[in-house]
Amino acid sequence: MKNILLRHGEIYTHNGILYNGDLLISDGKISEIGVNITKEDAETIDLNGKKVVPGFIDIHIHGGVGYDVMDASYEALNSISVHLARHGVTSFCATTMTMDVQNIQSALKNINDTMKKGTDGAQILGAYVEGPFISKEHKGAQDERHILEPDINIMEKLIEASNNSIKVVALAPEKDANGDFVKYVTRENIRVSLGHTNATYEEMKNAADHGATLAVHTYNGMKGFKHREPGALGEVFLDDRIYGELICDFVHSHPASVEILIKIKGVEKIILISDAMLACGLGDGEYVFGGQKVIVDKGIARIENGSLAGSTLTLDKAVANITKLGIPLSEAIKMASINPAKTIGIDAKGSIDIGKDADIVVLDNDLAVNMTIVNGKTVYKK
């Protein structure tokens, strides 16, 4: 693997911003950060002041460019990975949906097989199992016919099919009153994300007490806040043990709601996700998502009853949207890099530090993605 020397960039390290800085990549890792670095055998790229930020990590993504994780094919996941790299995503969790258990098992096996084979774009870190253990009241675009009660035996089958590559499983916590499911899953080193739920504040807190650490796309698919019943959302607001996923397209949540979440949770406890579906990157039209017809109009995806059906958002756009609210880029990128890495326990990624994987994105001044580097390999160039 060749060495790459990025020269004269605005480098966003975890310690701060290094202006007119250099960054050396050796053997797929970040090996040196400084000024006037020289390396004779390195491919040298002069960035002329462009921004160098950690690669984005999308832990909740269903598809794009016409492909869906549930297609359960290498071609689908590889195509999604290439699409993601164009938008600054260097790694992701391929996300399944509420469908027949055998379909989910096939998708999970394919995710693991594809991880072993490798992809041409963003790297797959594992699977995010969104359903079937959710509520009918807040199912969103998930197919009610396949919703199941939390079942450790079924979960064991999913883990086996995935060859232990599941990173996150979604749960409606009102269905796990004694916390046994949460305790089992967390013992298997899988994060529990609370969502698609009609849970009360107390039921959400009970799940957090047993080990749940995430909230599925905060605001969406959960009982909202009321002053006499804080609801699922109240627990997300209040509990510092919970990271809140956020779809920052200003469709799923009003800009003011995004600001409220940032004020309450703080930048450190929010994870930007795309929740993108197969229409992302293709445009308006009719699609099938999770076995249901979806109509995308003006970039907004809905099933026939009007419920939102994932998004057509990309993480570079989500980061840009956060900065439109007056949040500095240095803070916005944390929500798309180090926070997701911490949440799913990936220590080698998420920030620009010596010794970490060289997952790097170069942004133009308008925050458009100029170049994406995954494990020291350039996978996208504008």
Protein backbone atom coordinates (compact mmCIF):
# COMPACT_ATOMS: atom_id res chain seq x y z
CA MET A 1 0.00 0.00 0.00
CA LYS A 2 1.50 3.35 -1.07
CA ASN A 3 2.12 6.25 1.27
CA ILE A 4 -0.01 9.36 0.75
CA LEU A 5 1.02 12.84 1.89
CA LEU A 6 -1.75 15.42 2.07
CA ARG A 7 -0.16 18.89 2.04
CA HIS A 8 -1.47 22.34 3.01
CA GLY A 9 -4.84 21.31 4.40
CA GLU A 10 -7.09 22.67 7.12
CA ILE A 11 -6.89 19.57 9.32
CA TYR A 12 -9.62 18.88 11.89
CA THR A 13 -7.94 16.80 14.59
CA HIS A 14 -9.58 15.93 17.91
CA ASN A 15 -7.30 18.55 19.53
CA GLY A 16 -8.34 21.39 17.23
CA ILE A 17 -7.74 22.71 13.73
CA LEU A 18 -4.27 22.70 12.19
CA TYR A 19 -4.13 25.31 9.43
CA ASN A 20 -1.82 24.82 6.44
CA GLY A 21 -1.02 21.40 7.88
CA ASP A 22 0.24 18.14 6.42
CA LEU A 23 -0.93 14.59 7.05
CA LEU A 24 0.97 11.42 6.18
CA ILE A 25 -0.76 8.10 5.57
CA SER A 26 1.36 4.92 5.82
CA ASP A 27 0.10 1.33 5.60
CA GLY A 28 -3.50 2.45 5.81
CA LYS A 29 -2.98 4.40 9.04
CA ILE A 30 -2.46 8.05 9.94
CA SER A 31 1.27 8.10 10.71
CA GLU A 32 2.14 11.81 11.04
CA ILE A 33 0.36 15.15 11.41
CA GLY A 34 2.25 18.42 11.31
CA VAL A 35 3.74 21.15 9.15
CA ASN A 36 6.30 20.73 6.33
CA ILE A 37 6.30 16.93 6.49
CA THR A 38 8.43 15.27 3.81
CA LYS A 39 8.27 11.69 2.53
CA GLU A 40 10.11 10.91 -0.68
CA ASP A 41 8.18 7.81 -1.71
CA ALA A 42 4.73 9.23 -0.93
CA GLU A 43 2.08 10.30 -3.41
CA THR A 44 1.86 14.00 -2.56
CA ILE A 45 -1.44 15.85 -2.93
CA ASP A 46 -1.52 19.62 -2.45
CA LEU A 47 -4.92 20.49 -0.96
CA ASN A 48 -4.54 24.27 -1.21
CA GLY A 49 -6.35 24.89 2.07
CA LYS A 50 -9.18 22.38 1.64
CA LYS A 51 -10.66 20.91 4.82
CA VAL A 52 -9.44 17.52 6.05
CA VAL A 53 -11.98 15.85 8.34
CA PRO A 54 -12.51 12.37 9.78
CA GLY A 55 -14.48 10.01 7.56
CA PHE A 56 -18.19 9.95 8.27
CA ILE A 57 -19.70 6.81 9.82
CA ASP A 58 -23.33 6.07 8.94
CA ILE A 59 -24.55 3.48 11.43
CA HIS A 60 -28.16 3.51 10.14
CA ILE A 61 -28.45 3.20 6.35
CA HIS A 62 -30.78 0.95 4.33
CA GLY A 63 -29.68 1.59 0.76
CA GLY A 64 -29.10 3.91 -2.16
CA VAL A 65 -28.77 4.16 -5.95
CA GLY A 66 -31.48 1.54 -6.44
CA TYR A 67 -30.06 -1.06 -4.05
CA ASP A 68 -31.31 -2.21 -0.65
CA VAL A 69 -29.50 -4.07 2.16
CA MET A 70 -32.41 -6.53 2.08
CA ASP A 71 -31.46 -7.48 -1.51
CA ALA A 72 -28.92 -9.73 0.24
CA SER A 73 -26.40 -9.55 -2.61
CA TYR A 74 -22.76 -8.50 -2.84
CA GLU A 75 -23.60 -6.23 -5.77
CA ALA A 76 -26.14 -4.34 -3.64
CA LEU A 77 -23.84 -3.72 -0.69
CA ASN A 78 -20.86 -2.88 -2.87
CA SER A 79 -22.90 -0.40 -4.93
CA ILE A 80 -24.21 1.20 -1.73
CA SER A 81 -20.63 1.45 -0.42
CA VAL A 82 -19.43 3.26 -3.56
CA HIS A 83 -22.38 5.65 -3.39
CA LEU A 84 -21.67 6.38 0.28
CA ALA A 85 -18.00 7.13 -0.40
CA ARG A 86 -19.04 9.87 -2.84
CA HIS A 87 -20.72 11.55 0.13
CA GLY A 88 -17.86 11.29 2.61
CA VAL A 89 -18.94 8.08 4.35
CA THR A 90 -15.92 5.85 5.00
CA SER A 91 -17.71 3.15 7.02
CA PHE A 92 -21.27 2.08 7.78
CA CYS A 93 -23.61 -0.40 9.40
CA ALA A 94 -25.80 -2.05 6.78
CA THR A 95 -29.35 -1.83 8.14
CA THR A 96 -32.04 -4.47 7.83
CA MET A 97 -35.82 -4.00 8.05
CA THR A 98 -38.86 -5.69 9.55
CA MET A 99 -39.41 -8.53 7.14
CA ASP A 100 -39.69 -12.32 7.36
CA VAL A 101 -37.01 -13.69 9.72
CA GLN A 102 -35.51 -15.81 6.94
CA ASN A 103 -35.10 -12.69 4.78
CA ILE A 104 -33.35 -10.90 7.64
CA GLN A 105 -31.08 -13.93 8.16
CA SER A 106 -30.15 -13.93 4.45
CA ALA A 107 -29.36 -10.21 4.57
CA LEU A 108 -27.23 -10.67 7.71
CA LYS A 109 -25.28 -13.55 6.18
CA ASN A 110 -24.64 -11.44 3.10
CA ILE A 111 -23.46 -8.50 5.21
CA ASN A 112 -20.91 -10.72 6.93
CA ASP A 113 -19.79 -12.32 3.66
CA THR A 114 -19.38 -8.89 2.09
CA MET A 115 -17.37 -7.63 5.07
CA LYS A 116 -14.93 -10.51 4.53
CA LYS A 117 -14.72 -9.89 0.77
CA GLY A 118 -14.37 -6.12 1.13
CA THR A 119 -16.02 -3.30 -0.78
CA ASP A 120 -14.88 -0.73 -3.34
CA GLY A 121 -16.19 2.22 -1.32
CA ALA A 122 -17.08 2.66 2.35
CA GLN A 123 -16.17 -0.21 4.68
CA ILE A 124 -18.96 -2.24 6.30
CA LEU A 125 -18.55 -2.35 10.09
CA GLY A 126 -21.45 -4.73 10.73
CA ALA A 127 -25.23 -4.87 10.75
CA TYR A 128 -27.95 -2.74 12.33
CA VAL A 129 -31.11 -4.81 12.84
CA GLU A 130 -34.05 -2.39 12.72
CA GLY A 131 -37.02 -4.61 13.52
CA PRO A 132 -38.80 -6.97 13.90
CA PHE A 133 -38.93 -6.27 17.67
CA ILE A 134 -40.87 -3.01 17.43
CA SER A 135 -44.35 -1.63 18.16
CA LYS A 136 -47.27 -1.51 15.76
CA GLU A 137 -48.27 1.94 17.04
CA HIS A 138 -45.07 3.54 15.76
CA LYS A 139 -44.08 1.14 12.99
CA GLY A 140 -43.54 3.91 10.43
CA ALA A 141 -42.68 2.29 7.10
CA GLN A 142 -41.97 -1.13 8.66
CA ASP A 143 -44.33 -3.92 7.60
CA GLU A 144 -46.71 -4.73 10.48
CA ARG A 145 -47.19 -8.32 9.27
CA HIS A 146 -43.66 -9.20 10.30
CA ILE A 147 -43.48 -7.42 13.68
CA LEU A 148 -42.57 -9.87 16.48
CA GLU A 149 -42.28 -9.85 20.25
CA PRO A 150 -38.66 -9.70 21.49
CA ASP A 151 -37.50 -13.31 21.42
CA ILE A 152 -34.06 -14.43 22.54
CA ASN A 153 -34.29 -17.61 20.45
CA ILE A 154 -34.92 -15.59 17.27
CA MET A 155 -32.16 -13.18 18.24
CA GLU A 156 -29.78 -16.14 18.64
CA LYS A 157 -30.63 -17.22 15.08
CA LEU A 158 -29.96 -13.70 13.77
CA ILE A 159 -26.63 -13.53 15.59
CA GLU A 160 -25.67 -16.94 14.18
CA ALA A 161 -26.63 -15.92 10.64
CA SER A 162 -24.55 -12.76 10.99
CA ASN A 163 -21.53 -14.67 12.34
CA ASN A 164 -21.52 -12.24 15.30
CA SER A 165 -21.36 -9.12 13.10
CA ILE A 166 -24.48 -7.37 14.44
CA LYS A 167 -23.58 -4.03 16.02
CA VAL A 168 -27.04 -2.67 16.91
CA VAL A 169 -30.58 -4.03 17.32
CA ALA A 170 -33.68 -1.85 17.58
CA LEU A 171 -36.27 -2.52 20.28
CA ALA A 172 -39.61 -1.17 21.46
CA PRO A 173 -38.79 -1.42 25.19
CA GLU A 174 -42.41 -1.72 26.38
CA LYS A 175 -42.20 -5.28 25.01
CA ASP A 176 -39.30 -6.16 27.35
CA ALA A 177 -40.63 -5.21 30.78
CA ASN A 178 -38.19 -7.37 32.76
CA GLY A 179 -35.20 -6.28 30.66
CA ASP A 180 -34.18 -9.86 29.80
CA PHE A 181 -33.89 -9.17 26.07
CA VAL A 182 -31.79 -6.04 26.59
CA LYS A 183 -29.52 -7.86 29.05
CA TYR A 184 -29.04 -10.79 26.66
CA VAL A 185 -28.26 -8.59 23.66
CA THR A 186 -25.82 -6.35 25.54
CA ARG A 187 -24.01 -9.45 26.89
CA GLU A 188 -23.48 -10.39 23.24
CA ASN A 189 -21.72 -7.01 22.77
CA ILE A 190 -24.58 -5.64 20.67
CA ARG A 191 -26.00 -2.17 21.32
CA VAL A 192 -29.72 -1.81 21.93
CA SER A 193 -31.38 1.15 20.22
CA LEU A 194 -34.81 2.14 21.53
CA GLY A 195 -37.35 3.17 18.94
CA HIS A 196 -40.38 2.49 16.80
CA THR A 197 -41.93 2.52 20.24
CA ASN A 198 -45.02 3.55 22.16
CA ALA A 199 -43.11 3.33 25.45
CA THR A 200 -43.71 5.60 28.39
CA TYR A 201 -40.89 7.54 29.98
CA GLU A 202 -40.61 4.85 32.69
CA GLU A 203 -40.47 2.00 30.16
CA MET A 204 -37.69 3.74 28.23
CA LYS A 205 -35.74 4.41 31.43
CA ASN A 206 -36.14 0.78 32.47
CA ALA A 207 -34.48 -0.31 29.20
CA ALA A 208 -31.61 2.14 29.76
CA ASP A 209 -31.23 0.80 33.29
CA HIS A 210 -30.76 -2.67 31.79
CA GLY A 211 -28.16 -1.48 29.26
CA ALA A 212 -29.79 0.21 26.23
CA THR A 213 -27.60 3.07 24.96
CA LEU A 214 -29.19 4.41 21.76
CA ALA A 215 -32.41 5.94 20.48
CA VAL A 216 -33.61 5.14 16.96
CA HIS A 217 -33.94 8.34 14.86
CA THR A 218 -34.90 10.64 17.74
CA TYR A 219 -38.34 12.29 17.46
CA ASN A 220 -39.45 9.89 14.74
CA GLY A 221 -41.22 6.62 15.54
CA MET A 222 -41.59 7.28 19.25
CA LYS A 223 -44.08 8.66 21.76
CA GLY A 224 -43.51 12.40 22.00
CA PHE A 225 -42.99 14.67 24.98
CA LYS A 226 -45.86 15.88 27.14
CA HIS A 227 -45.39 17.68 30.41
CA ARG A 228 -47.39 15.11 32.41
CA GLU A 229 -46.03 12.10 30.50
CA PRO A 230 -42.52 12.82 29.24
CA GLY A 231 -42.82 9.79 26.97
CA ALA A 232 -40.04 8.04 25.09
CA LEU A 233 -38.72 11.38 23.91
CA GLY A 234 -38.49 12.70 27.46
CA GLU A 235 -36.16 9.84 28.41
CA VAL A 236 -33.97 10.48 25.35
CA PHE A 237 -33.74 14.15 26.34
CA LEU A 238 -32.91 13.47 29.97
CA ASP A 239 -30.71 10.36 30.09
CA ASP A 240 -27.01 10.95 29.44
CA ARG A 241 -26.53 7.20 28.93
CA ILE A 242 -28.47 7.42 25.66
CA TYR A 243 -27.06 8.64 22.35
CA GLY A 244 -29.76 10.07 20.11
CA GLU A 245 -29.69 9.26 16.41
CA LEU A 246 -30.80 12.19 14.27
CA ILE A 247 -31.93 12.43 10.63
CA CYS A 248 -30.96 16.04 9.94
CA ASP A 249 -32.75 16.65 6.65
CA PHE A 250 -35.14 19.26 8.14
CA VAL A 251 -38.00 17.01 6.97
CA HIS A 252 -37.95 14.38 9.71
CA SER A 253 -37.41 17.13 12.28
CA HIS A 254 -37.93 20.90 12.11
CA PRO A 255 -34.66 22.91 12.37
CA ALA A 256 -35.86 24.25 15.75
CA SER A 257 -36.35 20.67 16.98
CA VAL A 258 -32.80 19.87 15.91
CA GLU A 259 -31.55 22.91 17.85
CA ILE A 260 -33.56 21.85 20.90
CA LEU A 261 -32.00 18.37 20.80
CA ILE A 262 -28.49 19.82 20.51
CA LYS A 263 -29.17 22.21 23.41
CA ILE A 264 -30.49 19.42 25.64
CA LYS A 265 -28.22 16.49 24.69
CA GLY A 266 -25.12 18.39 23.63
CA VAL A 267 -23.05 17.68 20.53
CA GLU A 268 -21.32 14.75 22.26
CA LYS A 269 -24.50 12.67 22.55
CA ILE A 270 -25.98 13.01 19.05
CA ILE A 271 -25.29 10.73 16.09
CA LEU A 272 -26.12 11.90 12.60
CA ILE A 273 -27.61 9.11 10.50
CA SER A 274 -29.01 9.11 6.98
CA ASP A 275 -31.64 6.35 7.36
CA ALA A 276 -31.37 6.49 3.56
CA MET A 277 -33.35 4.08 1.41
CA LEU A 278 -32.76 2.79 -2.11
CA ALA A 279 -34.05 5.96 -3.83
CA CYS A 280 -31.18 8.02 -2.38
CA GLY A 281 -29.12 9.26 -5.31
CA LEU A 282 -31.81 8.47 -7.90
CA GLY A 283 -34.52 11.14 -7.63
CA ASP A 284 -38.30 11.20 -7.41
CA GLY A 285 -40.50 8.26 -8.44
CA GLU A 286 -42.10 5.05 -7.23
CA TYR A 287 -40.02 2.46 -5.38
CA VAL A 288 -40.45 -0.65 -3.22
CA PHE A 289 -38.96 -0.48 0.28
CA GLY A 290 -39.36 -3.24 2.86
CA GLY A 291 -41.98 -4.88 0.65
CA GLN A 292 -44.13 -1.73 0.51
CA LYS A 293 -44.71 0.85 -2.23
CA VAL A 294 -42.90 4.12 -1.60
CA ILE A 295 -43.43 7.39 -3.44
CA VAL A 296 -40.56 9.87 -3.46
CA ASP A 297 -41.69 13.42 -4.18
CA LYS A 298 -39.35 16.41 -3.91
CA GLY A 299 -36.83 14.09 -2.27
CA ILE A 300 -39.25 13.02 0.49
CA ALA A 301 -40.04 9.30 0.69
CA ARG A 302 -43.45 8.18 2.00
CA ILE A 303 -45.51 5.00 1.94
CA GLU A 304 -49.10 5.23 0.72
CA ASN A 305 -50.56 6.11 4.15
CA GLY A 306 -48.28 9.16 4.30
CA SER A 307 -45.72 7.81 6.79
CA LEU A 308 -42.13 8.78 6.09
CA ALA A 309 -40.17 5.85 4.64
CA GLY A 310 -36.55 6.42 5.45
CA SER A 311 -34.87 9.34 3.70
CA THR A 312 -32.90 10.35 0.63
CA LEU A 313 -30.39 12.19 2.84
CA THR A 314 -26.63 11.80 2.66
CA LEU A 315 -24.34 12.43 5.64
CA ASP A 316 -22.38 15.22 3.94
CA LYS A 317 -25.69 17.07 3.56
CA ALA A 318 -26.60 16.31 7.19
CA VAL A 319 -23.31 17.81 8.39
CA ALA A 320 -23.85 20.88 6.20
CA ASN A 321 -27.38 21.26 7.60
CA ILE A 322 -26.03 21.23 11.15
CA THR A 323 -23.61 24.05 10.29
CA LYS A 324 -26.55 26.09 8.94
CA LEU A 325 -27.82 26.22 12.53
CA GLY A 326 -24.66 28.03 13.60
CA ILE A 327 -22.84 24.93 14.89
CA PRO A 328 -19.12 25.08 13.98
CA LEU A 329 -17.93 22.45 11.49
CA SER A 330 -15.54 21.09 14.13
CA GLU A 331 -18.55 20.23 16.30
CA ALA A 332 -20.82 19.08 13.47
CA ILE A 333 -18.34 16.46 12.25
CA LYS A 334 -18.18 14.86 15.72
CA MET A 335 -21.83 13.84 15.30
CA ALA A 336 -20.92 12.02 12.08
CA SER A 337 -17.56 10.51 13.07
CA ILE A 338 -16.31 10.07 16.63
CA ASN A 339 -19.78 9.77 18.21
CA PRO A 340 -20.94 6.85 16.05
CA ALA A 341 -17.52 5.19 16.41
CA LYS A 342 -17.74 5.39 20.21
CA THR A 343 -21.33 4.20 20.26
CA ILE A 344 -20.63 0.94 18.47
CA GLY A 345 -17.19 0.44 20.03
CA ILE A 346 -14.92 1.08 17.02
CA ASP A 347 -11.77 2.58 18.57
CA ALA A 348 -9.65 2.69 15.40
CA LYS A 349 -11.96 5.11 13.59
CA GLY A 350 -13.81 8.38 14.09
CA SER A 351 -11.08 10.99 14.47
CA ILE A 352 -7.88 12.23 12.90
CA ASP A 353 -5.22 10.93 15.26
CA ILE A 354 -1.86 9.25 14.76
CA GLY A 355 -2.25 5.46 14.66
CA LYS A 356 -5.92 5.48 13.69
CA ASP A 357 -7.26 4.08 10.42
CA ALA A 358 -6.74 6.55 7.58
CA ASP A 359 -10.47 7.16 7.00
CA ILE A 360 -10.38 10.72 5.76
CA VAL A 361 -12.59 13.09 3.83
CA VAL A 362 -11.40 16.22 2.03
CA LEU A 363 -14.08 18.91 1.79
CA ASP A 364 -14.19 21.97 -0.43
CA ASN A 365 -14.97 25.31 1.21
CA ASP A 366 -18.69 24.81 0.44
CA LEU A 367 -18.45 21.44 2.31
CA ALA A 368 -18.86 19.41 -0.88
CA VAL A 369 -16.88 16.17 -0.80
CA ASN A 370 -13.68 16.47 -2.82
CA MET A 371 -11.97 13.20 -1.91
CA THR A 372 -12.65 10.14 0.26
CA ILE A 373 -9.93 7.88 1.63
CA VAL A 374 -10.81 4.55 3.30
CA ASN A 375 -8.06 2.71 5.22
CA GLY A 376 -5.44 4.66 3.28
CA LYS A 377 -6.93 3.97 -0.15
CA THR A 378 -8.48 6.74 -2.25
CA VAL A 379 -11.94 5.46 -3.15
CA TYR A 380 -13.45 8.69 -4.49
CA LYS A 381 -12.03 11.79 -6.16
CA LYS A 382 -14.17 14.65 -7.46
